[in-house]
Amino acid sequence: MKKIYKPAEQGPPYMERYIKLVPDDGNLLIHLEDIFSETEELINPLNEEKMNYRYAPGKWTIKDMLLHMSDTERIFVYRALRFSRGDETPLPGFEESLYALNACANDREKEDILREYSLVRESSIAFVESLSDEALDRKGLANNYSLSVRYLVNLIYGHHKHHLNIVRERYL
């Protein structure tokens, strides 16, 4: 399987915590598959009450978090697609709270959310696998930060791992 190593460049401080969670072995594609399986194993046994639990007022439910992870992955991949194809148009940030509010996650079934997320991940892996080293090293501007495609595709795993850790620590 293709090796995709962590980026050499530093990113925005708030994103560095995600990059630090990515294993440094170049097996990003395997890790993207494995962490999704790990997520399914963790989430599948949970009942509706647990899926709708908030550990504090105003915090997301597990359903909210899963859709946030899926939405964010789509955005990271969209940015990576644009930059990998040489599009240097600066891209805006996004308001995660607004996305979560309008996703209506708690009106959906857990199985439906996991199925959608699974399809997003499958598509992401296919895209990442298709990238050449040259494409991985192309950069663009997102949310006023210069980011390489390599940085963005590693964020997919790091962001997922960050939120999976939160589920374990604060919800279960």
C-alpha atoms as a PDB file:
ATOM      1  CA  MET A   1       0.000   0.000   0.000  1.00  0.00           C
ATOM      2  CA  LYS A   2       1.160   3.526  -0.759  1.00  0.00           C
ATOM      3  CA  LYS A   3       3.140   5.306   1.958  1.00  0.00           C
ATOM      4  CA  ILE A   4       1.976   8.782   2.966  1.00  0.00           C
ATOM      5  CA  TYR A   5       4.093  10.367   5.656  1.00  0.00           C
ATOM      6  CA  LYS A   6       3.282  13.217   7.987  1.00  0.00           C
ATOM      7  CA  PRO A   7       3.962  16.729   6.695  1.00  0.00           C
ATOM      8  CA  ALA A   8       7.240  18.446   7.473  1.00  0.00           C
ATOM      9  CA  GLU A   9       5.657  21.887   7.735  1.00  0.00           C
ATOM     10  CA  GLN A  10       3.976  23.355  10.776  1.00  0.00           C
ATOM     11  CA  GLY A  11       0.348  24.297  10.492  1.00  0.00           C
ATOM     12  CA  PRO A  12      -1.950  26.497  12.514  1.00  0.00           C
ATOM     13  CA  PRO A  13      -1.514  25.976  16.267  1.00  0.00           C
ATOM     14  CA  TYR A  14      -5.067  24.673  16.677  1.00  0.00           C
ATOM     15  CA  MET A  15      -4.437  21.996  14.017  1.00  0.00           C
ATOM     16  CA  GLU A  16      -1.075  20.836  15.326  1.00  0.00           C
ATOM     17  CA  ARG A  17      -2.784  18.872  18.115  1.00  0.00           C
ATOM     18  CA  TYR A  18      -4.400  16.729  15.400  1.00  0.00           C
ATOM     19  CA  ILE A  19      -1.188  16.193  13.425  1.00  0.00           C
ATOM     20  CA  LYS A  20       0.573  15.051  16.617  1.00  0.00           C
ATOM     21  CA  LEU A  21      -1.939  12.171  16.848  1.00  0.00           C
ATOM     22  CA  VAL A  22      -1.011  10.770  13.414  1.00  0.00           C
ATOM     23  CA  PRO A  23       1.372   7.785  13.595  1.00  0.00           C
ATOM     24  CA  ASP A  24       4.714   8.574  11.956  1.00  0.00           C
ATOM     25  CA  ASP A  25       5.026   5.322   9.997  1.00  0.00           C
ATOM     26  CA  GLY A  26       3.655   6.429   6.616  1.00  0.00           C
ATOM     27  CA  ASN A  27       0.720   4.014   6.813  1.00  0.00           C
ATOM     28  CA  LEU A  28      -1.931   6.736   6.695  1.00  0.00           C
ATOM     29  CA  LEU A  29      -4.273   4.775   4.403  1.00  0.00           C
ATOM     30  CA  ILE A  30      -4.232   1.746   6.721  1.00  0.00           C
ATOM     31  CA  HIS A  31      -4.761   3.976   9.751  1.00  0.00           C
ATOM     32  CA  LEU A  32      -7.752   5.663   8.074  1.00  0.00           C
ATOM     33  CA  GLU A  33      -9.357   2.246   7.565  1.00  0.00           C
ATOM     34  CA  ASP A  34      -8.472   0.970  11.026  1.00  0.00           C
ATOM     35  CA  ILE A  35      -9.725   3.996  12.957  1.00  0.00           C
ATOM     36  CA  PHE A  36     -13.055   3.824  11.193  1.00  0.00           C
ATOM     37  CA  SER A  37     -13.431   0.146  12.155  1.00  0.00           C
ATOM     38  CA  GLU A  38     -12.443   1.065  15.701  1.00  0.00           C
ATOM     39  CA  THR A  39     -15.130   3.769  15.704  1.00  0.00           C
ATOM     40  CA  GLU A  40     -17.806   1.354  14.519  1.00  0.00           C
ATOM     41  CA  GLU A  41     -16.838  -1.147  17.225  1.00  0.00           C
ATOM     42  CA  LEU A  42     -17.084   1.588  19.842  1.00  0.00           C
ATOM     43  CA  ILE A  43     -20.350   3.128  18.605  1.00  0.00           C
ATOM     44  CA  ASN A  44     -22.400   0.117  17.434  1.00  0.00           C
ATOM     45  CA  PRO A  45     -23.183  -1.218  20.939  1.00  0.00           C
ATOM     46  CA  LEU A  46     -24.395   2.177  22.219  1.00  0.00           C
ATOM     47  CA  ASN A  47     -28.116   2.671  22.755  1.00  0.00           C
ATOM     48  CA  GLU A  48     -30.108   5.747  21.757  1.00  0.00           C
ATOM     49  CA  GLU A  49     -29.845   7.294  25.215  1.00  0.00           C
ATOM     50  CA  LYS A  50     -26.050   7.099  25.134  1.00  0.00           C
ATOM     51  CA  MET A  51     -25.916   8.427  21.559  1.00  0.00           C
ATOM     52  CA  ASN A  52     -27.926  11.497  22.639  1.00  0.00           C
ATOM     53  CA  TYR A  53     -26.002  12.097  25.883  1.00  0.00           C
ATOM     54  CA  ARG A  54     -24.319  15.480  26.475  1.00  0.00           C
ATOM     55  CA  TYR A  55     -21.617  15.515  29.135  1.00  0.00           C
ATOM     56  CA  ALA A  56     -22.317  19.210  29.824  1.00  0.00           C
ATOM     57  CA  PRO A  57     -24.910  21.792  28.754  1.00  0.00           C
ATOM     58  CA  GLY A  58     -24.263  23.064  25.242  1.00  0.00           C
ATOM     59  CA  LYS A  59     -21.908  20.211  24.347  1.00  0.00           C
ATOM     60  CA  TRP A  60     -22.501  17.958  21.358  1.00  0.00           C
ATOM     61  CA  THR A  61     -24.013  14.494  21.533  1.00  0.00           C
ATOM     62  CA  ILE A  62     -22.113  11.540  20.086  1.00  0.00           C
ATOM     63  CA  LYS A  63     -24.362  11.803  17.021  1.00  0.00           C
ATOM     64  CA  ASP A  64     -23.452  15.484  16.653  1.00  0.00           C
ATOM     65  CA  MET A  65     -19.786  14.618  16.952  1.00  0.00           C
ATOM     66  CA  LEU A  66     -19.946  11.852  14.336  1.00  0.00           C
ATOM     67  CA  LEU A  67     -21.586  14.164  11.816  1.00  0.00           C
ATOM     68  CA  HIS A  68     -19.078  16.892  12.665  1.00  0.00           C
ATOM     69  CA  MET A  69     -16.269  14.434  11.943  1.00  0.00           C
ATOM     70  CA  SER A  70     -17.841  13.465   8.628  1.00  0.00           C
ATOM     71  CA  ASP A  71     -18.520  17.080   7.595  1.00  0.00           C
ATOM     72  CA  THR A  72     -14.996  18.140   8.529  1.00  0.00           C
ATOM     73  CA  GLU A  73     -13.500  15.262   6.579  1.00  0.00           C
ATOM     74  CA  ARG A  74     -15.451  16.370   3.520  1.00  0.00           C
ATOM     75  CA  ILE A  75     -14.065  19.881   3.924  1.00  0.00           C
ATOM     76  CA  PHE A  76     -10.477  18.675   4.369  1.00  0.00           C
ATOM     77  CA  VAL A  77     -10.790  16.508   1.254  1.00  0.00           C
ATOM     78  CA  TYR A  78     -12.392  19.327  -0.749  1.00  0.00           C
ATOM     79  CA  ARG A  79      -9.501  21.603   0.166  1.00  0.00           C
ATOM     80  CA  ALA A  80      -7.005  18.847  -0.670  1.00  0.00           C
ATOM     81  CA  LEU A  81      -8.702  18.266  -4.032  1.00  0.00           C
ATOM     82  CA  ARG A  82      -8.515  21.943  -4.942  1.00  0.00           C
ATOM     83  CA  PHE A  83      -4.888  22.317  -3.901  1.00  0.00           C
ATOM     84  CA  SER A  84      -3.795  18.995  -5.446  1.00  0.00           C
ATOM     85  CA  ARG A  85      -5.169  20.127  -8.789  1.00  0.00           C
ATOM     86  CA  GLY A  86      -3.187  23.353  -8.620  1.00  0.00           C
ATOM     87  CA  ASP A  87      -6.086  25.625  -7.683  1.00  0.00           C
ATOM     88  CA  GLU A  88      -4.570  28.461  -5.671  1.00  0.00           C
ATOM     89  CA  THR A  89      -7.846  30.240  -4.917  1.00  0.00           C
ATOM     90  CA  PRO A  90      -7.865  31.079  -1.185  1.00  0.00           C
ATOM     91  CA  LEU A  91     -10.540  29.081   0.627  1.00  0.00           C
ATOM     92  CA  PRO A  92     -12.514  30.339   3.622  1.00  0.00           C
ATOM     93  CA  GLY A  93     -12.804  28.670   6.990  1.00  0.00           C
ATOM     94  CA  PHE A  94     -16.090  27.191   8.192  1.00  0.00           C
ATOM     95  CA  GLU A  95     -18.177  27.569  11.309  1.00  0.00           C
ATOM     96  CA  GLU A  96     -18.350  24.104  12.854  1.00  0.00           C
ATOM     97  CA  SER A  97     -21.067  25.093  15.347  1.00  0.00           C
ATOM     98  CA  LEU A  98     -23.337  26.274  12.550  1.00  0.00           C
ATOM     99  CA  TYR A  99     -22.780  23.037  10.650  1.00  0.00           C
ATOM    100  CA  ALA A 100     -23.578  20.976  13.742  1.00  0.00           C
ATOM    101  CA  LEU A 101     -26.696  23.002  14.479  1.00  0.00           C
ATOM    102  CA  ASN A 102     -28.050  22.501  10.969  1.00  0.00           C
ATOM    103  CA  ALA A 103     -27.041  18.857  10.550  1.00  0.00           C
ATOM    104  CA  CYS A 104     -29.953  17.686  12.752  1.00  0.00           C
ATOM    105  CA  ALA A 105     -27.876  14.720  13.875  1.00  0.00           C
ATOM    106  CA  ASN A 106     -30.142  13.855  16.775  1.00  0.00           C
ATOM    107  CA  ASP A 107     -33.078  13.360  14.413  1.00  0.00           C
ATOM    108  CA  ARG A 108     -31.187  10.579  12.637  1.00  0.00           C
ATOM    109  CA  GLU A 109     -30.544   6.948  13.423  1.00  0.00           C
ATOM    110  CA  LYS A 110     -27.068   5.925  14.515  1.00  0.00           C
ATOM    111  CA  GLU A 111     -26.865   3.368  11.687  1.00  0.00           C
ATOM    112  CA  ASP A 112     -27.674   6.030   9.096  1.00  0.00           C
ATOM    113  CA  ILE A 113     -24.968   8.360  10.409  1.00  0.00           C
ATOM    114  CA  LEU A 114     -22.371   5.570  10.459  1.00  0.00           C
ATOM    115  CA  ARG A 115     -23.324   4.469   6.929  1.00  0.00           C
ATOM    116  CA  GLU A 116     -22.904   8.009   5.620  1.00  0.00           C
ATOM    117  CA  TYR A 117     -19.603   8.451   7.429  1.00  0.00           C
ATOM    118  CA  SER A 118     -18.400   5.103   6.078  1.00  0.00           C
ATOM    119  CA  LEU A 119     -19.101   6.247   2.519  1.00  0.00           C
ATOM    120  CA  VAL A 120     -17.326   9.546   3.137  1.00  0.00           C
ATOM    121  CA  ARG A 121     -14.293   7.641   4.455  1.00  0.00           C
ATOM    122  CA  GLU A 122     -14.304   5.204   1.546  1.00  0.00           C
ATOM    123  CA  SER A 123     -14.332   8.109  -0.888  1.00  0.00           C
ATOM    124  CA  SER A 124     -11.609   9.934   1.052  1.00  0.00           C
ATOM    125  CA  ILE A 125      -9.334   6.895   0.985  1.00  0.00           C
ATOM    126  CA  ALA A 126      -9.829   6.448  -2.763  1.00  0.00           C
ATOM    127  CA  PHE A 127      -8.950  10.089  -3.333  1.00  0.00           C
ATOM    128  CA  VAL A 128      -5.907  10.113  -1.041  1.00  0.00           C
ATOM    129  CA  GLU A 129      -4.640   6.883  -2.592  1.00  0.00           C
ATOM    130  CA  SER A 130      -4.747   8.503  -6.027  1.00  0.00           C
ATOM    131  CA  LEU A 131      -2.458  11.400  -5.110  1.00  0.00           C
ATOM    132  CA  SER A 132       1.109  11.542  -6.381  1.00  0.00           C
ATOM    133  CA  ASP A 133       3.922  12.763  -4.140  1.00  0.00           C
ATOM    134  CA  GLU A 134       3.983  15.937  -6.225  1.00  0.00           C
ATOM    135  CA  ALA A 135       0.257  16.511  -5.611  1.00  0.00           C
ATOM    136  CA  LEU A 136       0.670  15.780  -1.883  1.00  0.00           C
ATOM    137  CA  ASP A 137       3.261  18.530  -1.633  1.00  0.00           C
ATOM    138  CA  ARG A 138       1.209  21.219  -3.387  1.00  0.00           C
ATOM    139  CA  LYS A 139      -0.085  23.990  -1.153  1.00  0.00           C
ATOM    140  CA  GLY A 140      -2.964  26.374  -0.942  1.00  0.00           C
ATOM    141  CA  LEU A 141      -4.474  28.898   1.400  1.00  0.00           C
ATOM    142  CA  ALA A 142      -7.355  27.800   3.648  1.00  0.00           C
ATOM    143  CA  ASN A 143      -8.723  29.941   6.443  1.00  0.00           C
ATOM    144  CA  ASN A 144      -5.717  32.263   5.911  1.00  0.00           C
ATOM    145  CA  TYR A 145      -3.186  29.444   6.500  1.00  0.00           C
ATOM    146  CA  SER A 146      -0.868  27.905   3.921  1.00  0.00           C
ATOM    147  CA  LEU A 147      -1.461  24.154   3.995  1.00  0.00           C
ATOM    148  CA  SER A 148      -0.100  21.319   1.895  1.00  0.00           C
ATOM    149  CA  VAL A 149      -2.292  18.543   0.584  1.00  0.00           C
ATOM    150  CA  ARG A 150      -0.165  16.187   2.703  1.00  0.00           C
ATOM    151  CA  TYR A 151      -1.044  18.217   5.790  1.00  0.00           C
ATOM    152  CA  LEU A 152      -4.760  18.149   4.966  1.00  0.00           C
ATOM    153  CA  VAL A 153      -4.972  14.403   4.347  1.00  0.00           C
ATOM    154  CA  ASN A 154      -3.121  13.703   7.597  1.00  0.00           C
ATOM    155  CA  LEU A 155      -5.613  15.953   9.373  1.00  0.00           C
ATOM    156  CA  ILE A 156      -8.360  13.492   8.417  1.00  0.00           C
ATOM    157  CA  TYR A 157      -6.857  10.893  10.733  1.00  0.00           C
ATOM    158  CA  GLY A 158      -5.720  13.296  13.454  1.00  0.00           C
ATOM    159  CA  HIS A 159      -9.093  15.030  13.709  1.00  0.00           C
ATOM    160  CA  HIS A 160     -10.879  11.667  13.837  1.00  0.00           C
ATOM    161  CA  LYS A 161      -8.517  10.376  16.549  1.00  0.00           C
ATOM    162  CA  HIS A 162      -8.966  13.565  18.592  1.00  0.00           C
ATOM    163  CA  HIS A 163     -12.743  13.188  18.637  1.00  0.00           C
ATOM    164  CA  LEU A 164     -12.618   9.444  19.246  1.00  0.00           C
ATOM    165  CA  ASN A 165     -10.485  10.175  22.315  1.00  0.00           C
ATOM    166  CA  ILE A 166     -13.108  12.685  23.503  1.00  0.00           C
ATOM    167  CA  VAL A 167     -15.868  10.091  23.091  1.00  0.00           C
ATOM    168  CA  ARG A 168     -13.907   7.630  25.231  1.00  0.00           C
ATOM    169  CA  GLU A 169     -12.932  10.179  27.886  1.00  0.00           C
ATOM    170  CA  ARG A 170     -16.134  12.170  28.283  1.00  0.00           C
ATOM    171  CA  TYR A 171     -19.019  10.085  26.993  1.00  0.00           C
ATOM    172  CA  LEU A 172     -18.281   6.464  27.888  1.00  0.00           C
END
